[in-house]
């Protein structure tokens, strides 16, 4: 399996005069042609290293989430409004902060969960 390089990862901090709302994040994902769905994680939740055969975008809605990217040796800490775009095949793991977190994930329409 080929591992994605750092060029296949884009991190964007929330910027703007408006507070980051679920609705704004949802609209941004839809504008990019993705179907958003919400995931709720308990405090200290951990998900081991994994990858997907499709591109994926993540917004942090509430809480704090740490994303580890072992192939590029990067660590991204996401806070409300922050977005991370991962190309297909990018290996990553997730650690949720002690207060828990809500994420809004965007996937191609054919893969969305309800």
PDB file of N, CA and C in Angstrom:
ATOM      1  N   UNK A   1       0.838  -1.175   0.000  1.00  0.00           N
ATOM      2  CA  UNK A   1       0.000   0.000   0.000  1.00  0.00           C
ATOM      3  C   UNK A   1       0.888   1.245   0.000  1.00  0.00           C
ATOM      4  N   UNK A   2       0.514   2.190  -0.785  1.00  0.00           N
ATOM      5  CA  UNK A   2       1.260   3.443  -0.849  1.00  0.00           C
ATOM      6  C   UNK A   2       0.700   4.407   0.182  1.00  0.00           C
ATOM      7  N   UNK A   3       1.578   5.069   0.870  1.00  0.00           N
ATOM      8  CA  UNK A   3       1.135   6.026   1.881  1.00  0.00           C
ATOM      9  C   UNK A   3       1.125   7.428   1.294  1.00  0.00           C
ATOM     10  N   UNK A   4       0.112   8.183   1.653  1.00  0.00           N
ATOM     11  CA  UNK A   4      -0.023   9.550   1.154  1.00  0.00           C
ATOM     12  C   UNK A   4       1.026  10.451   1.779  1.00  0.00           C
ATOM     13  N   UNK A   5       1.470  11.408   1.017  1.00  0.00           N
ATOM     14  CA  UNK A   5       2.470  12.353   1.529  1.00  0.00           C
ATOM     15  C   UNK A   5       1.784  13.528   2.198  1.00  0.00           C
ATOM     16  N   UNK A   6       2.571  14.406   2.786  1.00  0.00           N
ATOM     17  CA  UNK A   6       2.062  15.566   3.501  1.00  0.00           C
ATOM     18  C   UNK A   6       1.267  16.486   2.569  1.00  0.00           C
ATOM     19  N   UNK A   7       1.534  16.451   1.264  1.00  0.00           N
ATOM     20  CA  UNK A   7       0.792  17.278   0.322  1.00  0.00           C
ATOM     21  C   UNK A   7      -0.671  16.863   0.225  1.00  0.00           C
ATOM     22  N   UNK A   8      -1.001  15.704   0.714  1.00  0.00           N
ATOM     23  CA  UNK A   8      -2.372  15.205   0.644  1.00  0.00           C
ATOM     24  C   UNK A   8      -3.175  15.516   1.898  1.00  0.00           C
ATOM     25  N   UNK A   9      -2.666  16.446   2.693  1.00  0.00           N
ATOM     26  CA  UNK A   9      -3.311  16.839   3.947  1.00  0.00           C
ATOM     27  C   UNK A   9      -3.419  18.358   3.959  1.00  0.00           C
ATOM     28  N   UNK A  10      -4.600  18.861   4.298  1.00  0.00           N
ATOM     29  CA  UNK A  10      -4.754  20.312   4.423  1.00  0.00           C
ATOM     30  C   UNK A  10      -5.467  20.622   5.732  1.00  0.00           C
ATOM     31  N   UNK A  11      -4.847  21.457   6.554  1.00  0.00           N
ATOM     32  CA  UNK A  11      -5.415  21.876   7.826  1.00  0.00           C
ATOM     33  C   UNK A  11      -5.754  23.357   7.736  1.00  0.00           C
ATOM     34  N   UNK A  12      -6.974  23.722   8.165  1.00  0.00           N
ATOM     35  CA  UNK A  12      -7.413  25.108   8.124  1.00  0.00           C
ATOM     36  C   UNK A  12      -8.002  25.487   9.473  1.00  0.00           C
ATOM     37  N   UNK A  13      -7.417  26.506  10.111  1.00  0.00           N
ATOM     38  CA  UNK A  13      -7.978  27.025  11.368  1.00  0.00           C
ATOM     39  C   UNK A  13      -9.186  27.875  11.029  1.00  0.00           C
ATOM     40  N   UNK A  14     -10.141  27.913  11.963  1.00  0.00           N
ATOM     41  CA  UNK A  14     -11.324  28.738  11.745  1.00  0.00           C
ATOM     42  C   UNK A  14     -10.916  30.201  11.740  1.00  0.00           C
ATOM     43  N   UNK A  15     -11.343  30.902  10.702  1.00  0.00           N
ATOM     44  CA  UNK A  15     -11.104  32.341  10.612  1.00  0.00           C
ATOM     45  C   UNK A  15     -12.403  32.986  10.182  1.00  0.00           C
ATOM     46  N   UNK A  16     -12.624  34.143  10.652  1.00  0.00           N
ATOM     47  CA  UNK A  16     -13.827  34.864  10.249  1.00  0.00           C
ATOM     48  C   UNK A  16     -14.462  35.543  11.434  1.00  0.00           C
ATOM     49  N   UNK A  17     -15.364  36.436  11.120  1.00  0.00           N
ATOM     50  CA  UNK A  17     -16.003  37.212  12.178  1.00  0.00           C
ATOM     51  C   UNK A  17     -17.119  36.442  12.872  1.00  0.00           C
ATOM     52  N   UNK A  18     -17.668  35.438  12.214  1.00  0.00           N
ATOM     53  CA  UNK A  18     -18.739  34.660  12.818  1.00  0.00           C
ATOM     54  C   UNK A  18     -18.180  33.527  13.662  1.00  0.00           C
ATOM     55  N   UNK A  19     -18.902  33.220  14.746  1.00  0.00           N
ATOM     56  CA  UNK A  19     -18.550  32.070  15.571  1.00  0.00           C
ATOM     57  C   UNK A  19     -18.758  30.810  14.732  1.00  0.00           C
ATOM     58  N   UNK A  20     -17.879  29.809  14.840  1.00  0.00           N
ATOM     59  CA  UNK A  20     -18.059  28.592  14.033  1.00  0.00           C
ATOM     60  C   UNK A  20     -19.308  27.822  14.470  1.00  0.00           C
ATOM     61  N   UNK A  21     -20.279  27.763  13.606  1.00  0.00           N
ATOM     62  CA  UNK A  21     -21.514  27.040  13.922  1.00  0.00           C
ATOM     63  C   UNK A  21     -21.592  25.761  13.096  1.00  0.00           C
ATOM     64  N   UNK A  22     -22.352  24.823  13.591  1.00  0.00           N
ATOM     65  CA  UNK A  22     -22.579  23.572  12.872  1.00  0.00           C
ATOM     66  C   UNK A  22     -23.135  23.866  11.487  1.00  0.00           C
ATOM     67  N   UNK A  23     -24.045  24.811  11.390  1.00  0.00           N
ATOM     68  CA  UNK A  23     -24.662  25.136  10.099  1.00  0.00           C
ATOM     69  C   UNK A  23     -23.635  25.664   9.095  1.00  0.00           C
ATOM     70  N   UNK A  24     -22.751  26.556   9.528  1.00  0.00           N
ATOM     71  CA  UNK A  24     -21.725  27.083   8.620  1.00  0.00           C
ATOM     72  C   UNK A  24     -20.781  25.975   8.139  1.00  0.00           C
ATOM     73  N   UNK A  25     -20.399  25.094   9.051  1.00  0.00           N
ATOM     74  CA  UNK A  25     -19.506  23.992   8.686  1.00  0.00           C
ATOM     75  C   UNK A  25     -20.198  23.067   7.696  1.00  0.00           C
ATOM     76  N   UNK A  26     -21.458  22.773   7.962  1.00  0.00           N
ATOM     77  CA  UNK A  26     -22.245  21.907   7.080  1.00  0.00           C
ATOM     78  C   UNK A  26     -22.338  22.519   5.685  1.00  0.00           C
ATOM     79  N   UNK A  27     -22.614  23.805   5.615  1.00  0.00           N
ATOM     80  CA  UNK A  27     -22.709  24.487   4.322  1.00  0.00           C
ATOM     81  C   UNK A  27     -21.390  24.456   3.571  1.00  0.00           C
ATOM     82  N   UNK A  28     -20.272  24.617   4.285  1.00  0.00           N
ATOM     83  CA  UNK A  28     -18.957  24.555   3.645  1.00  0.00           C
ATOM     84  C   UNK A  28     -18.696  23.184   3.026  1.00  0.00           C
ATOM     85  N   UNK A  29     -19.043  22.122   3.741  1.00  0.00           N
ATOM     86  CA  UNK A  29     -18.844  20.771   3.209  1.00  0.00           C
ATOM     87  C   UNK A  29     -19.748  20.534   2.001  1.00  0.00           C
ATOM     88  N   UNK A  30     -20.988  20.961   2.094  1.00  0.00           N
ATOM     89  CA  UNK A  30     -21.913  20.786   0.974  1.00  0.00           C
ATOM     90  C   UNK A  30     -21.444  21.568  -0.252  1.00  0.00           C
ATOM     91  N   UNK A  31     -20.913  22.767  -0.036  1.00  0.00           N
ATOM     92  CA  UNK A  31     -20.380  23.572  -1.131  1.00  0.00           C
ATOM     93  C   UNK A  31     -19.258  22.826  -1.848  1.00  0.00           C
ATOM     94  N   UNK A  32     -18.491  22.048  -1.102  1.00  0.00           N
ATOM     95  CA  UNK A  32     -17.392  21.261  -1.669  1.00  0.00           C
ATOM     96  C   UNK A  32     -17.867  19.931  -2.252  1.00  0.00           C
ATOM     97  N   UNK A  33     -19.176  19.716  -2.321  1.00  0.00           N
ATOM     98  CA  UNK A  33     -19.722  18.498  -2.912  1.00  0.00           C
ATOM     99  C   UNK A  33     -19.688  17.292  -1.998  1.00  0.00           C
ATOM    100  N   UNK A  34     -19.581  17.521  -0.690  1.00  0.00           N
ATOM    101  CA  UNK A  34     -19.528  16.425   0.284  1.00  0.00           C
ATOM    102  C   UNK A  34     -20.830  16.354   1.066  1.00  0.00           C
ATOM    103  N   UNK A  35     -21.154  15.161   1.516  1.00  0.00           N
ATOM    104  CA  UNK A  35     -22.323  14.990   2.370  1.00  0.00           C
ATOM    105  C   UNK A  35     -21.855  14.931   3.813  1.00  0.00           C
ATOM    106  N   UNK A  36     -22.305  15.880   4.639  1.00  0.00           N
ATOM    107  CA  UNK A  36     -21.867  15.917   6.041  1.00  0.00           C
ATOM    108  C   UNK A  36     -22.677  14.980   6.930  1.00  0.00           C
ATOM    109  N   UNK A  37     -22.003  14.431   7.919  1.00  0.00           N
ATOM    110  CA  UNK A  37     -22.676  13.682   8.981  1.00  0.00           C
ATOM    111  C   UNK A  37     -21.917  13.921  10.274  1.00  0.00           C
ATOM    112  N   UNK A  38     -22.648  13.905  11.360  1.00  0.00           N
ATOM    113  CA  UNK A  38     -22.104  14.245  12.666  1.00  0.00           C
ATOM    114  C   UNK A  38     -21.725  12.978  13.420  1.00  0.00           C
ATOM    115  N   UNK A  39     -20.581  13.028  14.119  1.00  0.00           N
ATOM    116  CA  UNK A  39     -20.183  11.936  15.000  1.00  0.00           C
ATOM    117  C   UNK A  39     -19.889  12.517  16.380  1.00  0.00           C
ATOM    118  N   UNK A  40     -20.303  11.791  17.411  1.00  0.00           N
ATOM    119  CA  UNK A  40     -20.114  12.221  18.792  1.00  0.00           C
ATOM    120  C   UNK A  40     -19.182  11.219  19.460  1.00  0.00           C
ATOM    121  N   UNK A  41     -18.143  11.724  20.120  1.00  0.00           N
ATOM    122  CA  UNK A  41     -17.157  10.856  20.768  1.00  0.00           C
ATOM    123  C   UNK A  41     -17.044  11.206  22.247  1.00  0.00           C
ATOM    124  N   UNK A  42     -17.013  10.198  23.072  1.00  0.00           N
ATOM    125  CA  UNK A  42     -16.817  10.379  24.510  1.00  0.00           C
ATOM    126  C   UNK A  42     -15.388  10.831  24.793  1.00  0.00           C
ATOM    127  N   UNK A  43     -15.184  11.412  25.978  1.00  0.00           N
ATOM    128  CA  UNK A  43     -13.852  11.845  26.382  1.00  0.00           C
ATOM    129  C   UNK A  43     -12.845  10.705  26.359  1.00  0.00           C
ATOM    130  N   UNK A  44     -11.637  11.012  25.928  1.00  0.00           N
ATOM    131  CA  UNK A  44     -10.519  10.079  25.846  1.00  0.00           C
ATOM    132  C   UNK A  44     -10.702   8.957  24.832  1.00  0.00           C
ATOM    133  N   UNK A  45     -11.677   9.081  23.940  1.00  0.00           N
ATOM    134  CA  UNK A  45     -11.862   8.093  22.873  1.00  0.00           C
ATOM    135  C   UNK A  45     -10.614   8.058  21.995  1.00  0.00           C
ATOM    136  N   UNK A  46     -10.217   6.864  21.609  1.00  0.00           N
ATOM    137  CA  UNK A  46      -9.065   6.696  20.726  1.00  0.00           C
ATOM    138  C   UNK A  46      -9.436   5.767  19.585  1.00  0.00           C
ATOM    139  N   UNK A  47      -8.992   6.136  18.413  1.00  0.00           N
ATOM    140  CA  UNK A  47      -9.184   5.304  17.229  1.00  0.00           C
ATOM    141  C   UNK A  47      -7.802   5.071  16.635  1.00  0.00           C
ATOM    142  N   UNK A  48      -7.423   3.812  16.498  1.00  0.00           N
ATOM    143  CA  UNK A  48      -6.093   3.465  15.998  1.00  0.00           C
ATOM    144  C   UNK A  48      -5.863   3.907  14.563  1.00  0.00           C
ATOM    145  N   UNK A  49      -4.644   3.709  14.102  1.00  0.00           N
ATOM    146  CA  UNK A  49      -4.255   4.128  12.758  1.00  0.00           C
ATOM    147  C   UNK A  49      -5.108   3.394  11.724  1.00  0.00           C
ATOM    148  N   UNK A  50      -5.599   4.198  10.772  1.00  0.00           N
ATOM    149  CA  UNK A  50      -6.451   3.663   9.714  1.00  0.00           C
ATOM    150  C   UNK A  50      -6.350   4.562   8.506  1.00  0.00           C
ATOM    151  N   UNK A  51      -6.870   4.121   7.395  1.00  0.00           N
ATOM    152  CA  UNK A  51      -6.959   4.949   6.192  1.00  0.00           C
ATOM    153  C   UNK A  51      -8.240   4.561   5.471  1.00  0.00           C
ATOM    154  N   UNK A  52      -8.620   5.371   4.516  1.00  0.00           N
ATOM    155  CA  UNK A  52      -9.848   5.134   3.769  1.00  0.00           C
ATOM    156  C   UNK A  52      -9.540   5.194   2.274  1.00  0.00           C
ATOM    157  N   UNK A  53     -10.330   4.543   1.483  1.00  0.00           N
ATOM    158  CA  UNK A  53     -10.168   4.551   0.033  1.00  0.00           C
ATOM    159  C   UNK A  53     -10.845   5.745  -0.616  1.00  0.00           C
ATOM    160  N   UNK A  54     -11.142   6.754   0.158  1.00  0.00           N
ATOM    161  CA  UNK A  54     -11.807   7.955  -0.345  1.00  0.00           C
ATOM    162  C   UNK A  54     -11.309   9.162   0.451  1.00  0.00           C
ATOM    163  N   UNK A  55     -11.446  10.339  -0.153  1.00  0.00           N
ATOM    164  CA  UNK A  55     -11.075  11.578   0.533  1.00  0.00           C
ATOM    165  C   UNK A  55     -12.107  11.856   1.626  1.00  0.00           C
ATOM    166  N   UNK A  56     -11.668  12.535   2.672  1.00  0.00           N
ATOM    167  CA  UNK A  56     -12.527  12.792   3.822  1.00  0.00           C
ATOM    168  C   UNK A  56     -12.168  14.153   4.401  1.00  0.00           C
ATOM    169  N   UNK A  57     -13.171  14.884   4.834  1.00  0.00           N
ATOM    170  CA  UNK A  57     -12.957  16.171   5.499  1.00  0.00           C
ATOM    171  C   UNK A  57     -13.569  16.114   6.880  1.00  0.00           C
ATOM    172  N   UNK A  58     -12.902  16.717   7.845  1.00  0.00           N
ATOM    173  CA  UNK A  58     -13.367  16.730   9.236  1.00  0.00           C
ATOM    174  C   UNK A  58     -13.412  18.158   9.750  1.00  0.00           C
ATOM    175  N   UNK A  59     -14.500  18.510  10.421  1.00  0.00           N
ATOM    176  CA  UNK A  59     -14.580  19.751  11.181  1.00  0.00           C
ATOM    177  C   UNK A  59     -14.720  19.373  12.642  1.00  0.00           C
ATOM    178  N   UNK A  60     -14.072  20.107  13.515  1.00  0.00           N
ATOM    179  CA  UNK A  60     -14.299  19.969  14.948  1.00  0.00           C
ATOM    180  C   UNK A  60     -15.421  20.944  15.295  1.00  0.00           C
ATOM    181  N   UNK A  61     -16.533  20.414  15.793  1.00  0.00           N
ATOM    182  CA  UNK A  61     -17.682  21.240  16.156  1.00  0.00           C
ATOM    183  C   UNK A  61     -17.582  21.663  17.611  1.00  0.00           C
ATOM    184  N   UNK A  62     -17.280  20.702  18.483  1.00  0.00           N
ATOM    185  CA  UNK A  62     -17.115  20.966  19.918  1.00  0.00           C
ATOM    186  C   UNK A  62     -15.977  20.118  20.450  1.00  0.00           C
ATOM    187  N   UNK A  63     -15.303  20.613  21.475  1.00  0.00           N
ATOM    188  CA  UNK A  63     -14.244  19.847  22.129  1.00  0.00           C
ATOM    189  C   UNK A  63     -12.897  20.039  21.463  1.00  0.00           C
ATOM    190  N   UNK A  64     -12.052  19.049  21.671  1.00  0.00           N
ATOM    191  CA  UNK A  64     -10.688  19.075  21.151  1.00  0.00           C
ATOM    192  C   UNK A  64     -10.334  17.677  20.666  1.00  0.00           C
ATOM    193  N   UNK A  65      -9.719  17.605  19.484  1.00  0.00           N
ATOM    194  CA  UNK A  65      -9.365  16.332  18.876  1.00  0.00           C
ATOM    195  C   UNK A  65      -7.931  16.416  18.368  1.00  0.00           C
ATOM    196  N   UNK A  66      -7.153  15.382  18.644  1.00  0.00           N
ATOM    197  CA  UNK A  66      -5.793  15.303  18.141  1.00  0.00           C
ATOM    198  C   UNK A  66      -5.750  14.246  17.045  1.00  0.00           C
ATOM    199  N   UNK A  67      -5.262  14.641  15.889  1.00  0.00           N
ATOM    200  CA  UNK A  67      -5.121  13.729  14.760  1.00  0.00           C
ATOM    201  C   UNK A  67      -3.630  13.489  14.552  1.00  0.00           C
ATOM    202  N   UNK A  68      -3.242  12.236  14.592  1.00  0.00           N
ATOM    203  CA  UNK A  68      -1.852  11.861  14.331  1.00  0.00           C
ATOM    204  C   UNK A  68      -1.765  11.355  12.893  1.00  0.00           C
ATOM    205  N   UNK A  69      -0.726  11.806  12.196  1.00  0.00           N
ATOM    206  CA  UNK A  69      -0.488  11.425  10.807  1.00  0.00           C
ATOM    207  C   UNK A  69       0.892  10.771  10.750  1.00  0.00           C
ATOM    208  N   UNK A  70       0.955   9.456  10.999  1.00  0.00           N
ATOM    209  CA  UNK A  70       2.246   8.797  11.195  1.00  0.00           C
ATOM    210  C   UNK A  70       3.181   8.845   9.995  1.00  0.00           C
ATOM    211  N   UNK A  71       2.669   8.847   8.787  1.00  0.00           N
ATOM    212  CA  UNK A  71       3.551   8.821   7.619  1.00  0.00           C
ATOM    213  C   UNK A  71       4.275  10.142   7.401  1.00  0.00           C
ATOM    214  N   UNK A  72       3.675  11.235   7.837  1.00  0.00           N
ATOM    215  CA  UNK A  72       4.331  12.544   7.711  1.00  0.00           C
ATOM    216  C   UNK A  72       4.872  13.028   9.054  1.00  0.00           C
ATOM    217  N   UNK A  73       4.682  12.210  10.084  1.00  0.00           N
ATOM    218  CA  UNK A  73       5.118  12.546  11.449  1.00  0.00           C
ATOM    219  C   UNK A  73       4.556  13.888  11.899  1.00  0.00           C
ATOM    220  N   UNK A  74       3.282  14.100  11.576  1.00  0.00           N
ATOM    221  CA  UNK A  74       2.612  15.338  11.968  1.00  0.00           C
ATOM    222  C   UNK A  74       1.545  15.045  13.000  1.00  0.00           C
ATOM    223  N   UNK A  75       1.268  16.050  13.788  1.00  0.00           N
ATOM    224  CA  UNK A  75       0.207  15.997  14.801  1.00  0.00           C
ATOM    225  C   UNK A  75      -0.596  17.271  14.632  1.00  0.00           C
ATOM    226  N   UNK A  76      -1.903  17.131  14.513  1.00  0.00           N
ATOM    227  CA  UNK A  76      -2.790  18.272  14.349  1.00  0.00           C
ATOM    228  C   UNK A  76      -3.768  18.270  15.517  1.00  0.00           C
ATOM    229  N   UNK A  77      -3.869  19.394  16.213  1.00  0.00           N
ATOM    230  CA  UNK A  77      -4.842  19.535  17.287  1.00  0.00           C
ATOM    231  C   UNK A  77      -5.960  20.427  16.764  1.00  0.00           C
ATOM    232  N   UNK A  78      -7.159  19.856  16.725  1.00  0.00           N
ATOM    233  CA  UNK A  78      -8.310  20.575  16.192  1.00  0.00           C
ATOM    234  C   UNK A  78      -9.183  21.092  17.329  1.00  0.00           C
ATOM    235  N   UNK A  79      -9.618  22.332  17.156  1.00  0.00           N
ATOM    236  CA  UNK A  79     -10.549  22.973  18.090  1.00  0.00           C
ATOM    237  C   UNK A  79     -11.761  23.425  17.288  1.00  0.00           C
ATOM    238  N   UNK A  80     -12.823  23.871  17.940  1.00  0.00           N
ATOM    239  CA  UNK A  80     -14.041  24.230  17.212  1.00  0.00           C
ATOM    240  C   UNK A  80     -13.792  25.139  16.009  1.00  0.00           C
ATOM    241  N   UNK A  81     -14.334  24.683  14.877  1.00  0.00           N
ATOM    242  CA  UNK A  81     -14.230  25.416  13.620  1.00  0.00           C
ATOM    243  C   UNK A  81     -13.076  24.978  12.743  1.00  0.00           C
ATOM    244  N   UNK A  82     -12.085  24.271  13.302  1.00  0.00           N
ATOM    245  CA  UNK A  82     -10.934  23.834  12.517  1.00  0.00           C
ATOM    246  C   UNK A  82     -11.342  22.708  11.569  1.00  0.00           C
ATOM    247  N   UNK A  83     -10.690  22.696  10.398  1.00  0.00           N
ATOM    248  CA  UNK A  83     -11.002  21.692   9.374  1.00  0.00           C
ATOM    249  C   UNK A  83      -9.734  20.969   8.950  1.00  0.00           C
ATOM    250  N   UNK A  84      -9.876  19.665   8.723  1.00  0.00           N
ATOM    251  CA  UNK A  84      -8.782  18.851   8.213  1.00  0.00           C
ATOM    252  C   UNK A  84      -9.297  18.071   7.014  1.00  0.00           C
ATOM    253  N   UNK A  85      -8.606  18.218   5.885  1.00  0.00           N
ATOM    254  CA  UNK A  85      -8.947  17.489   4.661  1.00  0.00           C
ATOM    255  C   UNK A  85      -7.880  16.431   4.430  1.00  0.00           C
ATOM    256  N   UNK A  86      -8.320  15.195   4.295  1.00  0.00           N
ATOM    257  CA  UNK A  86      -7.418  14.065   4.079  1.00  0.00           C
ATOM    258  C   UNK A  86      -7.704  13.438   2.723  1.00  0.00           C
ATOM    259  N   UNK A  87      -6.677  13.247   1.923  1.00  0.00           N
ATOM    260  CA  UNK A  87      -6.829  12.559   0.646  1.00  0.00           C
ATOM    261  C   UNK A  87      -7.038  11.066   0.911  1.00  0.00           C
ATOM    262  N   UNK A  88      -7.539  10.370  -0.079  1.00  0.00           N
ATOM    263  CA  UNK A  88      -7.697   8.920   0.034  1.00  0.00           C
ATOM    264  C   UNK A  88      -6.354   8.283   0.367  1.00  0.00           C
ATOM    265  N   UNK A  89      -6.358   7.331   1.274  1.00  0.00           N
ATOM    266  CA  UNK A  89      -5.152   6.590   1.621  1.00  0.00           C
ATOM    267  C   UNK A  89      -4.287   7.193   2.712  1.00  0.00           C
ATOM    268  N   UNK A  90      -4.611   8.380   3.199  1.00  0.00           N
ATOM    269  CA  UNK A  90      -3.804   9.005   4.255  1.00  0.00           C
ATOM    270  C   UNK A  90      -4.050   8.271   5.568  1.00  0.00           C
ATOM    271  N   UNK A  91      -2.996   7.763   6.170  1.00  0.00           N
ATOM    272  CA  UNK A  91      -3.119   7.061   7.444  1.00  0.00           C
ATOM    273  C   UNK A  91      -3.221   8.082   8.568  1.00  0.00           C
ATOM    274  N   UNK A  92      -4.142   7.833   9.485  1.00  0.00           N
ATOM    275  CA  UNK A  92      -4.372   8.755  10.596  1.00  0.00           C
ATOM    276  C   UNK A  92      -4.958   8.013  11.792  1.00  0.00           C
ATOM    277  N   UNK A  93      -4.770   8.597  12.969  1.00  0.00           N
ATOM    278  CA  UNK A  93      -5.423   8.092  14.178  1.00  0.00           C
ATOM    279  C   UNK A  93      -6.027   9.302  14.891  1.00  0.00           C
ATOM    280  N   UNK A  94      -6.966   9.023  15.789  1.00  0.00           N
ATOM    281  CA  UNK A  94      -7.696  10.091  16.471  1.00  0.00           C
ATOM    282  C   UNK A  94      -7.665   9.863  17.973  1.00  0.00           C
ATOM    283  N   UNK A  95      -7.405  10.940  18.717  1.00  0.00           N
ATOM    284  CA  UNK A  95      -7.525  10.929  20.168  1.00  0.00           C
ATOM    285  C   UNK A  95      -8.378  12.125  20.557  1.00  0.00           C
ATOM    286  N   UNK A  96      -9.459  11.861  21.271  1.00  0.00           N
ATOM    287  CA  UNK A  96     -10.386  12.914  21.697  1.00  0.00           C
ATOM    288  C   UNK A  96      -9.979  13.404  23.080  1.00  0.00           C
ATOM    289  N   UNK A  97     -10.127  14.699  23.308  1.00  0.00           N
ATOM    290  CA  UNK A  97      -9.823  15.292  24.607  1.00  0.00           C
ATOM    291  C   UNK A  97     -10.741  14.770  25.708  1.00  0.00           C
ATOM    292  N   UNK A  98     -10.416  15.091  26.954  1.00  0.00           N
ATOM    293  CA  UNK A  98     -11.137  14.528  28.097  1.00  0.00           C
ATOM    294  C   UNK A  98     -12.603  14.968  28.171  1.00  0.00           C
ATOM    295  N   UNK A  99     -12.944  16.085  27.546  1.00  0.00           N
ATOM    296  CA  UNK A  99     -14.328  16.566  27.584  1.00  0.00           C
ATOM    297  C   UNK A  99     -15.207  15.953  26.492  1.00  0.00           C
ATOM    298  N   UNK A 100     -14.619  15.152  25.599  1.00  0.00           N
ATOM    299  CA  UNK A 100     -15.366  14.602  24.479  1.00  0.00           C
ATOM    300  C   UNK A 100     -15.340  15.567  23.309  1.00  0.00           C
ATOM    301  N   UNK A 101     -15.916  15.152  22.187  1.00  0.00           N
ATOM    302  CA  UNK A 101     -15.906  16.003  21.003  1.00  0.00           C
ATOM    303  C   UNK A 101     -17.035  15.625  20.063  1.00  0.00           C
ATOM    304  N   UNK A 102     -17.437  16.600  19.291  1.00  0.00           N
ATOM    305  CA  UNK A 102     -18.372  16.387  18.198  1.00  0.00           C
ATOM    306  C   UNK A 102     -17.643  16.774  16.919  1.00  0.00           C
ATOM    307  N   UNK A 103     -17.668  15.873  15.943  1.00  0.00           N
ATOM    308  CA  UNK A 103     -17.050  16.123  14.646  1.00  0.00           C
ATOM    309  C   UNK A 103     -18.121  16.133  13.578  1.00  0.00           C
ATOM    310  N   UNK A 104     -17.887  16.920  12.554  1.00  0.00           N
ATOM    311  CA  UNK A 104     -18.715  16.885  11.361  1.00  0.00           C
ATOM    312  C   UNK A 104     -17.814  16.373  10.259  1.00  0.00           C
ATOM    313  N   UNK A 105     -18.164  15.221   9.714  1.00  0.00           N
ATOM    314  CA  UNK A 105     -17.347  14.607   8.679  1.00  0.00           C
ATOM    315  C   UNK A 105     -18.033  14.779   7.339  1.00  0.00           C
ATOM    316  N   UNK A 106     -17.245  14.990   6.326  1.00  0.00           N
ATOM    317  CA  UNK A 106     -17.766  15.096   4.969  1.00  0.00           C
ATOM    318  C   UNK A 106     -17.133  14.040   4.098  1.00  0.00           C
ATOM    319  N   UNK A 107     -17.974  13.266   3.424  1.00  0.00           N
ATOM    320  CA  UNK A 107     -17.499  12.227   2.523  1.00  0.00           C
ATOM    321  C   UNK A 107     -18.232  12.381   1.202  1.00  0.00           C
ATOM    322  N   UNK A 108     -17.681  11.769   0.144  1.00  0.00           N
ATOM    323  CA  UNK A 108     -18.412  11.792  -1.123  1.00  0.00           C
ATOM    324  C   UNK A 108     -19.821  11.244  -0.912  1.00  0.00           C
ATOM    325  N   UNK A 109     -20.767  11.789  -1.596  1.00  0.00           N
ATOM    326  CA  UNK A 109     -22.181  11.487  -1.411  1.00  0.00           C
ATOM    327  C   UNK A 109     -22.489  10.001  -1.330  1.00  0.00           C
ATOM    328  N   UNK A 110     -21.841   9.191  -2.138  1.00  0.00           N
ATOM    329  CA  UNK A 110     -22.154   7.751  -2.172  1.00  0.00           C
ATOM    330  C   UNK A 110     -21.751   7.008  -0.907  1.00  0.00           C
ATOM    331  N   UNK A 111     -20.905   7.629  -0.050  1.00  0.00           N
ATOM    332  CA  UNK A 111     -20.399   6.958   1.140  1.00  0.00           C
ATOM    333  C   UNK A 111     -21.052   7.433   2.431  1.00  0.00           C
ATOM    334  N   UNK A 112     -21.882   8.438   2.356  1.00  0.00           N
ATOM    335  CA  UNK A 112     -22.399   9.090   3.572  1.00  0.00           C
ATOM    336  C   UNK A 112     -23.251   8.136   4.398  1.00  0.00           C
ATOM    337  N   UNK A 113     -23.142   8.303   5.724  1.00  0.00           N
ATOM    338  CA  UNK A 113     -23.976   7.586   6.688  1.00  0.00           C
ATOM    339  C   UNK A 113     -25.055   8.529   7.158  1.00  0.00           C
ATOM    340  N   UNK A 114     -26.157   8.019   7.590  1.00  0.00           N
ATOM    341  CA  UNK A 114     -27.230   8.874   8.141  1.00  0.00           C
ATOM    342  C   UNK A 114     -27.383   8.630   9.598  1.00  0.00           C
TER     343      UNK A 114
END
